[in-house]
Amino acid sequence: MDFKLWIRAVRAPFFTAVIVPVVLGTAIAFHDTGLFNLTYFLLALAGMIFIHAGINLSNDYFDHKSGADEINKTPTPFSGGSRVIQEGLIPANTILTVSLLSLIIGSAIGFYFYMILGNSILFFAATGIFIGFFYTAPPFKLGYRGLGELMAGLGFGALVVTGAYYVQTAYISSGIILASIPVAVLIAMVLFINEFPDYAADKKVKKKTFVVILGKKNAVKLYHFFLVFTYFWIMAMVFIKVFPIFTLLTFLTLPLAIKAIRISRKNYDKVPDILPANASTIMLHLFFGLLFALGYFLSSFI
């Protein structure tokens, strides 16, 4: 077994998409209650990583079956799949098998929490797996029906943040739902900007991403709006005292947001030249989320 090949296949560098919201939900739980169960945190983190790996693999398999990845002539490090099927490195059926095994392991961890915490945890696990698997899998193919960005924000943002909070506290507050919104928006924007290089291939297979629906020129304006929105959301929530003042640390990421906006405005129709905006959006999600969590953590002691 080629370990490096499977790291590529599961797209492990993108596991930050679930690591960040788990850390954030846990930090907010500690801020609100003073509770921190290390075992539960590590299990939640492991469960989400297995589920994310399974989702990435299933998306590769079903994008292969639809032909979307095969006809994509502009794959990038951020989009177009892992390409292990297209390059003949791992058979498609093996990808699907490992995907299902990963989802089963993640579900088993969810079942453990169900035994401890009750029925509510099933909602988070089942909804997340459903959204991720059927993002590209028939019959729903959510990512092909104009729902991809919304489902990414819900599945990798709101559900994971609130789920990590619930694992620590066994309840959900209105505050945690509001806190999940900027992270949900940013992970949706990671998907959104990564759809620009895939525009031609997605259009050919009738995959209705927002970029395909709106066209690149209009889509990039929407991308800019939501990046700016996340900072206004933080300011508004701090102003009405829903978020602690230390969450304003997220504004340290403004240079990344400005860079992403500047590059994408000039290069939204140029695949090689837009890639720094893709990288900046990924880093923005990572550092914004961690600084957001740090703001809650510091507020627990100061």
C-alpha atoms as a PDB file:
ATOM      1  CA  MET A   1       0.000   0.000   0.000  1.00  0.00           C
ATOM      2  CA  ASP A   2       1.410   3.357  -1.076  1.00  0.00           C
ATOM      3  CA  PHE A   3       0.745   5.647   1.885  1.00  0.00           C
ATOM      4  CA  LYS A   4       1.633   8.835  -0.001  1.00  0.00           C
ATOM      5  CA  LEU A   5      -0.704   7.863  -2.824  1.00  0.00           C
ATOM      6  CA  TRP A   6      -3.607   7.442  -0.409  1.00  0.00           C
ATOM      7  CA  ILE A   7      -2.783  10.759   1.264  1.00  0.00           C
ATOM      8  CA  ARG A   8      -3.225  12.259  -2.181  1.00  0.00           C
ATOM      9  CA  ALA A   9      -6.382  10.269  -2.879  1.00  0.00           C
ATOM     10  CA  VAL A  10      -8.154  11.370   0.315  1.00  0.00           C
ATOM     11  CA  ARG A  11      -6.825  14.925  -0.180  1.00  0.00           C
ATOM     12  CA  ALA A  12      -5.540  15.037   3.382  1.00  0.00           C
ATOM     13  CA  PRO A  13      -4.332  18.677   3.252  1.00  0.00           C
ATOM     14  CA  PHE A  14      -7.993  19.681   2.966  1.00  0.00           C
ATOM     15  CA  PHE A  15      -8.876  18.030   6.288  1.00  0.00           C
ATOM     16  CA  THR A  16      -8.555  21.517   7.752  1.00  0.00           C
ATOM     17  CA  ALA A  17     -12.146  21.895   6.509  1.00  0.00           C
ATOM     18  CA  VAL A  18     -13.279  19.705   9.437  1.00  0.00           C
ATOM     19  CA  ILE A  19     -10.418  20.284  11.898  1.00  0.00           C
ATOM     20  CA  VAL A  20     -11.156  24.010  12.155  1.00  0.00           C
ATOM     21  CA  PRO A  21     -14.878  23.708  12.987  1.00  0.00           C
ATOM     22  CA  VAL A  22     -14.240  20.921  15.515  1.00  0.00           C
ATOM     23  CA  VAL A  23     -11.661  23.109  17.276  1.00  0.00           C
ATOM     24  CA  LEU A  24     -14.004  26.097  17.154  1.00  0.00           C
ATOM     25  CA  GLY A  25     -17.027  24.239  18.518  1.00  0.00           C
ATOM     26  CA  THR A  26     -14.904  22.786  21.315  1.00  0.00           C
ATOM     27  CA  ALA A  27     -13.423  26.189  22.210  1.00  0.00           C
ATOM     28  CA  ILE A  28     -16.878  27.774  22.405  1.00  0.00           C
ATOM     29  CA  ALA A  29     -18.112  24.907  24.587  1.00  0.00           C
ATOM     30  CA  PHE A  30     -15.212  25.506  26.972  1.00  0.00           C
ATOM     31  CA  HIS A  31     -15.953  29.243  27.009  1.00  0.00           C
ATOM     32  CA  ASP A  32     -19.648  28.680  27.744  1.00  0.00           C
ATOM     33  CA  THR A  33     -19.372  25.882  30.309  1.00  0.00           C
ATOM     34  CA  GLY A  34     -15.766  25.411  31.388  1.00  0.00           C
ATOM     35  CA  LEU A  35     -16.042  21.814  30.169  1.00  0.00           C
ATOM     36  CA  PHE A  36     -13.434  20.056  28.060  1.00  0.00           C
ATOM     37  CA  ASN A  37     -13.352  16.303  27.506  1.00  0.00           C
ATOM     38  CA  LEU A  38     -10.144  15.465  25.655  1.00  0.00           C
ATOM     39  CA  THR A  39     -11.307  11.962  24.710  1.00  0.00           C
ATOM     40  CA  TYR A  40     -14.526  13.280  23.200  1.00  0.00           C
ATOM     41  CA  PHE A  41     -12.614  15.979  21.339  1.00  0.00           C
ATOM     42  CA  LEU A  42     -10.163  13.488  19.826  1.00  0.00           C
ATOM     43  CA  LEU A  43     -12.936  11.050  18.917  1.00  0.00           C
ATOM     44  CA  ALA A  44     -14.978  13.811  17.281  1.00  0.00           C
ATOM     45  CA  LEU A  45     -11.895  14.929  15.360  1.00  0.00           C
ATOM     46  CA  ALA A  46     -11.106  11.378  14.217  1.00  0.00           C
ATOM     47  CA  GLY A  47     -14.723  10.732  13.249  1.00  0.00           C
ATOM     48  CA  MET A  48     -14.889  13.872  11.147  1.00  0.00           C
ATOM     49  CA  ILE A  49     -11.580  13.108   9.430  1.00  0.00           C
ATOM     50  CA  PHE A  50     -12.774   9.626   8.468  1.00  0.00           C
ATOM     51  CA  ILE A  51     -16.073  11.029   7.211  1.00  0.00           C
ATOM     52  CA  HIS A  52     -14.281  13.765   5.249  1.00  0.00           C
ATOM     53  CA  ALA A  53     -11.945  11.189   3.704  1.00  0.00           C
ATOM     54  CA  GLY A  54     -14.921   9.062   2.723  1.00  0.00           C
ATOM     55  CA  ILE A  55     -16.683  12.055   1.202  1.00  0.00           C
ATOM     56  CA  ASN A  56     -13.602  13.107  -0.798  1.00  0.00           C
ATOM     57  CA  LEU A  57     -13.202   9.592  -2.161  1.00  0.00           C
ATOM     58  CA  SER A  58     -16.887   9.211  -3.032  1.00  0.00           C
ATOM     59  CA  ASN A  59     -16.843  12.568  -4.801  1.00  0.00           C
ATOM     60  CA  ASP A  60     -13.851  11.437  -6.863  1.00  0.00           C
ATOM     61  CA  TYR A  61     -15.652   8.209  -7.747  1.00  0.00           C
ATOM     62  CA  PHE A  62     -18.942   9.793  -8.782  1.00  0.00           C
ATOM     63  CA  ASP A  63     -17.299  12.706 -10.626  1.00  0.00           C
ATOM     64  CA  HIS A  64     -15.410   9.991 -12.519  1.00  0.00           C
ATOM     65  CA  LYS A  65     -18.658   8.157 -13.289  1.00  0.00           C
ATOM     66  CA  SER A  66     -20.314  11.364 -14.521  1.00  0.00           C
ATOM     67  CA  GLY A  67     -17.288  12.177 -16.696  1.00  0.00           C
ATOM     68  CA  ALA A  68     -16.724  15.552 -15.005  1.00  0.00           C
ATOM     69  CA  ASP A  69     -13.127  14.816 -13.991  1.00  0.00           C
ATOM     70  CA  GLU A  70     -12.291  13.017 -17.241  1.00  0.00           C
ATOM     71  CA  ILE A  71     -13.164  16.008 -19.429  1.00  0.00           C
ATOM     72  CA  ASN A  72     -11.597  18.536 -17.063  1.00  0.00           C
ATOM     73  CA  LYS A  73      -8.617  19.917 -18.959  1.00  0.00           C
ATOM     74  CA  THR A  74      -7.630  22.403 -16.260  1.00  0.00           C
ATOM     75  CA  PRO A  75      -7.218  20.429 -13.007  1.00  0.00           C
ATOM     76  CA  THR A  76      -5.374  22.292 -10.271  1.00  0.00           C
ATOM     77  CA  PRO A  77      -4.035  21.439  -6.804  1.00  0.00           C
ATOM     78  CA  PHE A  78      -7.335  22.821  -5.485  1.00  0.00           C
ATOM     79  CA  SER A  79      -9.897  21.475  -7.931  1.00  0.00           C
ATOM     80  CA  GLY A  80     -10.610  18.720 -10.415  1.00  0.00           C
ATOM     81  CA  GLY A  81     -10.306  15.878  -7.889  1.00  0.00           C
ATOM     82  CA  SER A  82      -7.256  13.936  -6.787  1.00  0.00           C
ATOM     83  CA  ARG A  83      -6.801  12.529 -10.342  1.00  0.00           C
ATOM     84  CA  VAL A  84      -5.701   9.114  -9.034  1.00  0.00           C
ATOM     85  CA  ILE A  85      -8.472   7.435 -11.047  1.00  0.00           C
ATOM     86  CA  GLN A  86      -7.755   9.447 -14.191  1.00  0.00           C
ATOM     87  CA  GLU A  87      -4.037   8.629 -13.984  1.00  0.00           C
ATOM     88  CA  GLY A  88      -4.725   4.923 -13.467  1.00  0.00           C
ATOM     89  CA  LEU A  89      -3.078   4.884 -10.029  1.00  0.00           C
ATOM     90  CA  ILE A  90      -6.016   3.449  -8.063  1.00  0.00           C
ATOM     91  CA  PRO A  91      -9.004   1.608  -9.605  1.00  0.00           C
ATOM     92  CA  ALA A  92     -12.320   3.424  -9.312  1.00  0.00           C
ATOM     93  CA  ASN A  93     -13.969   0.505  -7.487  1.00  0.00           C
ATOM     94  CA  THR A  94     -11.197   0.541  -4.875  1.00  0.00           C
ATOM     95  CA  ILE A  95     -11.806   4.257  -4.331  1.00  0.00           C
ATOM     96  CA  LEU A  96     -15.503   3.564  -3.725  1.00  0.00           C
ATOM     97  CA  THR A  97     -14.757   0.655  -1.365  1.00  0.00           C
ATOM     98  CA  VAL A  98     -12.348   2.689   0.776  1.00  0.00           C
ATOM     99  CA  SER A  99     -14.830   5.562   0.728  1.00  0.00           C
ATOM    100  CA  LEU A 100     -17.537   3.354   2.196  1.00  0.00           C
ATOM    101  CA  LEU A 101     -15.143   1.891   4.784  1.00  0.00           C
ATOM    102  CA  SER A 102     -14.120   5.383   5.885  1.00  0.00           C
ATOM    103  CA  LEU A 103     -17.744   6.434   6.221  1.00  0.00           C
ATOM    104  CA  ILE A 104     -18.501   3.291   8.234  1.00  0.00           C
ATOM    105  CA  ILE A 105     -15.639   4.036  10.662  1.00  0.00           C
ATOM    106  CA  GLY A 106     -16.798   7.631  11.032  1.00  0.00           C
ATOM    107  CA  SER A 107     -20.357   6.412  11.584  1.00  0.00           C
ATOM    108  CA  ALA A 108     -19.154   3.946  14.234  1.00  0.00           C
ATOM    109  CA  ILE A 109     -17.647   6.837  16.188  1.00  0.00           C
ATOM    110  CA  GLY A 110     -20.952   8.660  15.796  1.00  0.00           C
ATOM    111  CA  PHE A 111     -22.759   5.599  17.137  1.00  0.00           C
ATOM    112  CA  TYR A 112     -20.468   5.619  20.181  1.00  0.00           C
ATOM    113  CA  PHE A 113     -21.526   9.193  20.899  1.00  0.00           C
ATOM    114  CA  TYR A 114     -25.143   8.171  20.373  1.00  0.00           C
ATOM    115  CA  MET A 115     -24.768   5.521  23.084  1.00  0.00           C
ATOM    116  CA  ILE A 116     -23.414   8.166  25.464  1.00  0.00           C
ATOM    117  CA  LEU A 117     -25.299  11.329  24.500  1.00  0.00           C
ATOM    118  CA  GLY A 118     -28.565  10.109  23.002  1.00  0.00           C
ATOM    119  CA  ASN A 119     -30.479  10.537  19.773  1.00  0.00           C
ATOM    120  CA  SER A 120     -29.548  14.120  18.905  1.00  0.00           C
ATOM    121  CA  ILE A 121     -26.024  13.204  17.839  1.00  0.00           C
ATOM    122  CA  LEU A 122     -27.511  11.007  15.105  1.00  0.00           C
ATOM    123  CA  PHE A 123     -28.866  14.133  13.413  1.00  0.00           C
ATOM    124  CA  PHE A 124     -25.388  15.630  13.064  1.00  0.00           C
ATOM    125  CA  ALA A 125     -23.759  12.415  11.860  1.00  0.00           C
ATOM    126  CA  ALA A 126     -26.507  11.275   9.497  1.00  0.00           C
ATOM    127  CA  THR A 127     -27.081  14.710   7.970  1.00  0.00           C
ATOM    128  CA  GLY A 128     -23.380  15.305   7.419  1.00  0.00           C
ATOM    129  CA  ILE A 129     -22.813  11.924   5.770  1.00  0.00           C
ATOM    130  CA  PHE A 130     -25.916  12.313   3.625  1.00  0.00           C
ATOM    131  CA  ILE A 131     -24.860  15.755   2.391  1.00  0.00           C
ATOM    132  CA  GLY A 132     -21.279  14.678   1.701  1.00  0.00           C
ATOM    133  CA  PHE A 133     -21.993  11.361  -0.011  1.00  0.00           C
ATOM    134  CA  PHE A 134     -24.902  12.582  -2.093  1.00  0.00           C
ATOM    135  CA  TYR A 135     -23.060  15.741  -3.067  1.00  0.00           C
ATOM    136  CA  THR A 136     -22.085  13.866  -6.237  1.00  0.00           C
ATOM    137  CA  ALA A 137     -23.770  10.458  -5.816  1.00  0.00           C
ATOM    138  CA  PRO A 138     -27.107   9.715  -7.501  1.00  0.00           C
ATOM    139  CA  PRO A 139     -30.008  10.031  -7.153  1.00  0.00           C
ATOM    140  CA  PHE A 140     -29.656  13.397  -5.409  1.00  0.00           C
ATOM    141  CA  LYS A 141     -26.345  14.731  -6.828  1.00  0.00           C
ATOM    142  CA  LEU A 142     -26.700  17.887  -4.725  1.00  0.00           C
ATOM    143  CA  GLY A 143     -23.602  19.527  -6.177  1.00  0.00           C
ATOM    144  CA  TYR A 144     -25.047  19.169  -9.672  1.00  0.00           C
ATOM    145  CA  ARG A 145     -28.306  20.948  -8.749  1.00  0.00           C
ATOM    146  CA  GLY A 146     -27.103  24.356  -7.589  1.00  0.00           C
ATOM    147  CA  LEU A 147     -26.905  23.295  -3.941  1.00  0.00           C
ATOM    148  CA  GLY A 148     -23.199  22.549  -3.635  1.00  0.00           C
ATOM    149  CA  GLU A 149     -22.059  25.736  -1.925  1.00  0.00           C
ATOM    150  CA  LEU A 150     -24.997  25.742   0.474  1.00  0.00           C
ATOM    151  CA  MET A 151     -24.425  22.091   1.368  1.00  0.00           C
ATOM    152  CA  ALA A 152     -20.701  22.677   1.911  1.00  0.00           C
ATOM    153  CA  GLY A 153     -21.443  25.515   4.323  1.00  0.00           C
ATOM    154  CA  LEU A 154     -24.031  23.452   6.159  1.00  0.00           C
ATOM    155  CA  GLY A 155     -22.118  20.183   6.204  1.00  0.00           C
ATOM    156  CA  PHE A 156     -18.569  21.411   6.877  1.00  0.00           C
ATOM    157  CA  GLY A 157     -19.518  24.521   8.817  1.00  0.00           C
ATOM    158  CA  ALA A 158     -22.704  24.654  10.841  1.00  0.00           C
ATOM    159  CA  LEU A 159     -23.105  20.923  11.471  1.00  0.00           C
ATOM    160  CA  VAL A 160     -19.506  20.331  12.533  1.00  0.00           C
ATOM    161  CA  VAL A 161     -19.253  23.399  14.778  1.00  0.00           C
ATOM    162  CA  THR A 162     -22.551  22.683  16.536  1.00  0.00           C
ATOM    163  CA  GLY A 163     -21.826  18.949  16.642  1.00  0.00           C
ATOM    164  CA  ALA A 164     -18.444  19.487  18.323  1.00  0.00           C
ATOM    165  CA  TYR A 165     -20.140  21.820  20.808  1.00  0.00           C
ATOM    166  CA  TYR A 166     -22.865  19.253  21.516  1.00  0.00           C
ATOM    167  CA  VAL A 167     -20.309  16.493  22.118  1.00  0.00           C
ATOM    168  CA  GLN A 168     -18.829  18.578  24.942  1.00  0.00           C
ATOM    169  CA  THR A 169     -22.036  20.044  26.413  1.00  0.00           C
ATOM    170  CA  ALA A 170     -24.942  17.749  25.370  1.00  0.00           C
ATOM    171  CA  TYR A 171     -27.010  20.774  24.301  1.00  0.00           C
ATOM    172  CA  ILE A 172     -27.150  23.420  21.553  1.00  0.00           C
ATOM    173  CA  SER A 173     -27.318  27.159  22.193  1.00  0.00           C
ATOM    174  CA  SER A 174     -28.359  29.999  19.905  1.00  0.00           C
ATOM    175  CA  GLY A 175     -24.845  31.398  20.348  1.00  0.00           C
ATOM    176  CA  ILE A 176     -23.172  28.368  18.800  1.00  0.00           C
ATOM    177  CA  ILE A 177     -25.467  28.499  15.792  1.00  0.00           C
ATOM    178  CA  LEU A 178     -24.602  32.167  15.230  1.00  0.00           C
ATOM    179  CA  ALA A 179     -20.886  31.424  15.709  1.00  0.00           C
ATOM    180  CA  SER A 180     -20.987  28.682  13.078  1.00  0.00           C
ATOM    181  CA  ILE A 181     -22.107  31.071  10.341  1.00  0.00           C
ATOM    182  CA  PRO A 182     -18.793  32.787   9.390  1.00  0.00           C
ATOM    183  CA  VAL A 183     -16.919  29.471   9.286  1.00  0.00           C
ATOM    184  CA  ALA A 184     -19.741  27.971   7.223  1.00  0.00           C
ATOM    185  CA  VAL A 185     -19.551  30.883   4.801  1.00  0.00           C
ATOM    186  CA  LEU A 186     -15.774  30.624   4.463  1.00  0.00           C
ATOM    187  CA  ILE A 187     -15.739  26.890   3.731  1.00  0.00           C
ATOM    188  CA  ALA A 188     -18.466  27.490   1.146  1.00  0.00           C
ATOM    189  CA  MET A 189     -16.203  30.164  -0.366  1.00  0.00           C
ATOM    190  CA  VAL A 190     -13.331  27.656  -0.528  1.00  0.00           C
ATOM    191  CA  LEU A 191     -15.551  25.447  -2.671  1.00  0.00           C
ATOM    192  CA  PHE A 192     -16.838  28.461  -4.608  1.00  0.00           C
ATOM    193  CA  ILE A 193     -13.440  29.803  -5.681  1.00  0.00           C
ATOM    194  CA  ASN A 194     -12.280  26.272  -6.504  1.00  0.00           C
ATOM    195  CA  GLU A 195     -15.153  25.980  -8.987  1.00  0.00           C
ATOM    196  CA  PHE A 196     -13.746  28.706 -11.250  1.00  0.00           C
ATOM    197  CA  PRO A 197     -11.031  26.494 -12.816  1.00  0.00           C
ATOM    198  CA  ASP A 198     -13.637  23.711 -13.267  1.00  0.00           C
ATOM    199  CA  TYR A 199     -16.144  25.977 -15.039  1.00  0.00           C
ATOM    200  CA  ALA A 200     -15.810  24.527 -18.543  1.00  0.00           C
ATOM    201  CA  ALA A 201     -15.905  20.875 -17.437  1.00  0.00           C
ATOM    202  CA  ASP A 202     -18.777  21.468 -15.010  1.00  0.00           C
ATOM    203  CA  LYS A 203     -20.788  23.236 -17.698  1.00  0.00           C
ATOM    204  CA  LYS A 204     -20.308  20.362 -20.133  1.00  0.00           C
ATOM    205  CA  VAL A 205     -21.656  17.759 -17.709  1.00  0.00           C
ATOM    206  CA  LYS A 206     -24.441  20.128 -16.532  1.00  0.00           C
ATOM    207  CA  LYS A 207     -23.060  20.435 -13.023  1.00  0.00           C
ATOM    208  CA  LYS A 208     -24.881  23.548 -11.842  1.00  0.00           C
ATOM    209  CA  THR A 209     -22.409  25.215  -9.539  1.00  0.00           C
ATOM    210  CA  PHE A 210     -22.943  28.890  -8.723  1.00  0.00           C
ATOM    211  CA  VAL A 211     -20.115  29.714 -11.126  1.00  0.00           C
ATOM    212  CA  VAL A 212     -21.897  27.883 -13.952  1.00  0.00           C
ATOM    213  CA  ILE A 213     -25.298  29.369 -13.048  1.00  0.00           C
ATOM    214  CA  LEU A 214     -24.105  32.970 -12.648  1.00  0.00           C
ATOM    215  CA  GLY A 215     -21.158  33.036 -15.021  1.00  0.00           C
ATOM    216  CA  LYS A 216     -17.659  33.852 -13.828  1.00  0.00           C
ATOM    217  CA  LYS A 217     -18.039  37.656 -13.921  1.00  0.00           C
ATOM    218  CA  ASN A 218     -21.106  37.706 -11.677  1.00  0.00           C
ATOM    219  CA  ALA A 219     -19.971  34.783  -9.533  1.00  0.00           C
ATOM    220  CA  VAL A 220     -16.743  36.501  -8.511  1.00  0.00           C
ATOM    221  CA  LYS A 221     -18.767  39.483  -7.212  1.00  0.00           C
ATOM    222  CA  LEU A 222     -20.803  37.131  -5.023  1.00  0.00           C
ATOM    223  CA  TYR A 223     -17.578  35.557  -3.764  1.00  0.00           C
ATOM    224  CA  HIS A 224     -16.284  39.007  -2.781  1.00  0.00           C
ATOM    225  CA  PHE A 225     -19.539  39.875  -1.027  1.00  0.00           C
ATOM    226  CA  PHE A 226     -19.412  36.806   1.202  1.00  0.00           C
ATOM    227  CA  LEU A 227     -15.759  37.301   2.119  1.00  0.00           C
ATOM    228  CA  VAL A 228     -16.561  40.817   3.299  1.00  0.00           C
ATOM    229  CA  PHE A 229     -19.744  39.582   5.012  1.00  0.00           C
ATOM    230  CA  THR A 230     -17.800  37.373   7.430  1.00  0.00           C
ATOM    231  CA  TYR A 231     -16.033  40.395   8.957  1.00  0.00           C
ATOM    232  CA  PHE A 232     -19.232  42.419   9.227  1.00  0.00           C
ATOM    233  CA  TRP A 233     -20.842  39.432  10.939  1.00  0.00           C
ATOM    234  CA  ILE A 234     -18.085  39.288  13.547  1.00  0.00           C
ATOM    235  CA  MET A 235     -18.330  43.036  14.172  1.00  0.00           C
ATOM    236  CA  ALA A 236     -22.098  42.933  14.492  1.00  0.00           C
ATOM    237  CA  MET A 237     -22.067  39.991  16.908  1.00  0.00           C
ATOM    238  CA  VAL A 238     -19.358  41.590  19.059  1.00  0.00           C
ATOM    239  CA  PHE A 239     -21.307  44.859  19.085  1.00  0.00           C
ATOM    240  CA  ILE A 240     -24.468  43.166  20.421  1.00  0.00           C
ATOM    241  CA  LYS A 241     -22.306  41.118  22.806  1.00  0.00           C
ATOM    242  CA  VAL A 242     -23.062  37.692  21.350  1.00  0.00           C
ATOM    243  CA  PHE A 243     -19.364  37.088  20.592  1.00  0.00           C
ATOM    244  CA  PRO A 244     -16.593  38.038  23.063  1.00  0.00           C
ATOM    245  CA  ILE A 245     -14.450  40.994  22.076  1.00  0.00           C
ATOM    246  CA  PHE A 246     -11.369  38.814  21.560  1.00  0.00           C
ATOM    247  CA  THR A 247     -13.028  37.261  18.501  1.00  0.00           C
ATOM    248  CA  LEU A 248     -12.018  40.482  16.747  1.00  0.00           C
ATOM    249  CA  LEU A 249      -8.662  38.705  16.404  1.00  0.00           C
ATOM    250  CA  THR A 250     -10.189  37.309  13.209  1.00  0.00           C
ATOM    251  CA  PHE A 251      -9.497  40.713  11.628  1.00  0.00           C
ATOM    252  CA  LEU A 252      -5.814  39.757  11.552  1.00  0.00           C
ATOM    253  CA  THR A 253      -6.765  37.671   8.504  1.00  0.00           C
ATOM    254  CA  LEU A 254      -7.930  40.704   6.507  1.00  0.00           C
ATOM    255  CA  PRO A 255      -4.738  40.769   4.369  1.00  0.00           C
ATOM    256  CA  LEU A 256      -5.571  37.244   3.146  1.00  0.00           C
ATOM    257  CA  ALA A 257      -9.117  38.284   2.268  1.00  0.00           C
ATOM    258  CA  ILE A 258      -7.906  41.422   0.480  1.00  0.00           C
ATOM    259  CA  LYS A 259      -5.361  39.382  -1.464  1.00  0.00           C
ATOM    260  CA  ALA A 260      -8.020  36.859  -2.513  1.00  0.00           C
ATOM    261  CA  ILE A 261     -10.375  39.642  -3.622  1.00  0.00           C
ATOM    262  CA  ARG A 262      -7.686  41.520  -5.517  1.00  0.00           C
ATOM    263  CA  ILE A 263      -6.395  38.484  -7.390  1.00  0.00           C
ATOM    264  CA  SER A 264      -9.807  37.028  -8.209  1.00  0.00           C
ATOM    265  CA  ARG A 265     -11.128  40.392  -9.452  1.00  0.00           C
ATOM    266  CA  LYS A 266      -8.333  40.566 -12.031  1.00  0.00           C
ATOM    267  CA  ASN A 267      -8.025  36.891 -12.906  1.00  0.00           C
ATOM    268  CA  TYR A 268     -11.428  35.240 -12.484  1.00  0.00           C
ATOM    269  CA  ASP A 269     -11.258  33.982 -16.089  1.00  0.00           C
ATOM    270  CA  LYS A 270      -7.595  32.894 -16.034  1.00  0.00           C
ATOM    271  CA  VAL A 271      -7.004  29.463 -14.513  1.00  0.00           C
ATOM    272  CA  PRO A 272      -3.276  29.692 -13.670  1.00  0.00           C
ATOM    273  CA  ASP A 273      -3.497  33.268 -12.401  1.00  0.00           C
ATOM    274  CA  ILE A 274      -6.483  32.761 -10.084  1.00  0.00           C
ATOM    275  CA  LEU A 275      -4.805  29.973  -8.101  1.00  0.00           C
ATOM    276  CA  PRO A 276      -3.221  32.307  -5.493  1.00  0.00           C
ATOM    277  CA  ALA A 277      -6.795  33.373  -4.649  1.00  0.00           C
ATOM    278  CA  ASN A 278      -7.732  29.717  -4.162  1.00  0.00           C
ATOM    279  CA  ALA A 279      -4.769  29.233  -1.827  1.00  0.00           C
ATOM    280  CA  SER A 280      -5.537  32.447   0.054  1.00  0.00           C
ATOM    281  CA  THR A 281      -9.162  31.392   0.614  1.00  0.00           C
ATOM    282  CA  ILE A 282      -8.073  28.065   2.087  1.00  0.00           C
ATOM    283  CA  MET A 283      -5.608  29.819   4.381  1.00  0.00           C
ATOM    284  CA  LEU A 284      -8.262  32.413   5.258  1.00  0.00           C
ATOM    285  CA  HIS A 285     -10.658  29.680   6.396  1.00  0.00           C
ATOM    286  CA  LEU A 286      -7.898  28.037   8.436  1.00  0.00           C
ATOM    287  CA  PHE A 287      -6.542  31.122  10.218  1.00  0.00           C
ATOM    288  CA  PHE A 288      -9.891  32.878  10.596  1.00  0.00           C
ATOM    289  CA  GLY A 289     -11.339  29.769  12.252  1.00  0.00           C
ATOM    290  CA  LEU A 290      -8.364  29.245  14.556  1.00  0.00           C
ATOM    291  CA  LEU A 291      -8.249  32.905  15.594  1.00  0.00           C
ATOM    292  CA  PHE A 292     -12.005  32.798  16.165  1.00  0.00           C
ATOM    293  CA  ALA A 293     -11.477  29.798  18.463  1.00  0.00           C
ATOM    294  CA  LEU A 294      -8.551  31.545  20.165  1.00  0.00           C
ATOM    295  CA  GLY A 295     -10.778  34.550  20.835  1.00  0.00           C
ATOM    296  CA  TYR A 296     -13.232  32.352  22.732  1.00  0.00           C
ATOM    297  CA  PHE A 297     -10.415  30.558  24.545  1.00  0.00           C
ATOM    298  CA  LEU A 298      -8.798  33.805  25.716  1.00  0.00           C
ATOM    299  CA  SER A 299     -12.185  35.123  26.816  1.00  0.00           C
ATOM    300  CA  SER A 300     -12.486  32.120  29.126  1.00  0.00           C
ATOM    301  CA  PHE A 301      -9.581  33.405  31.211  1.00  0.00           C
ATOM    302  CA  ILE A 302      -9.567  37.173  30.763  1.00  0.00           C
END
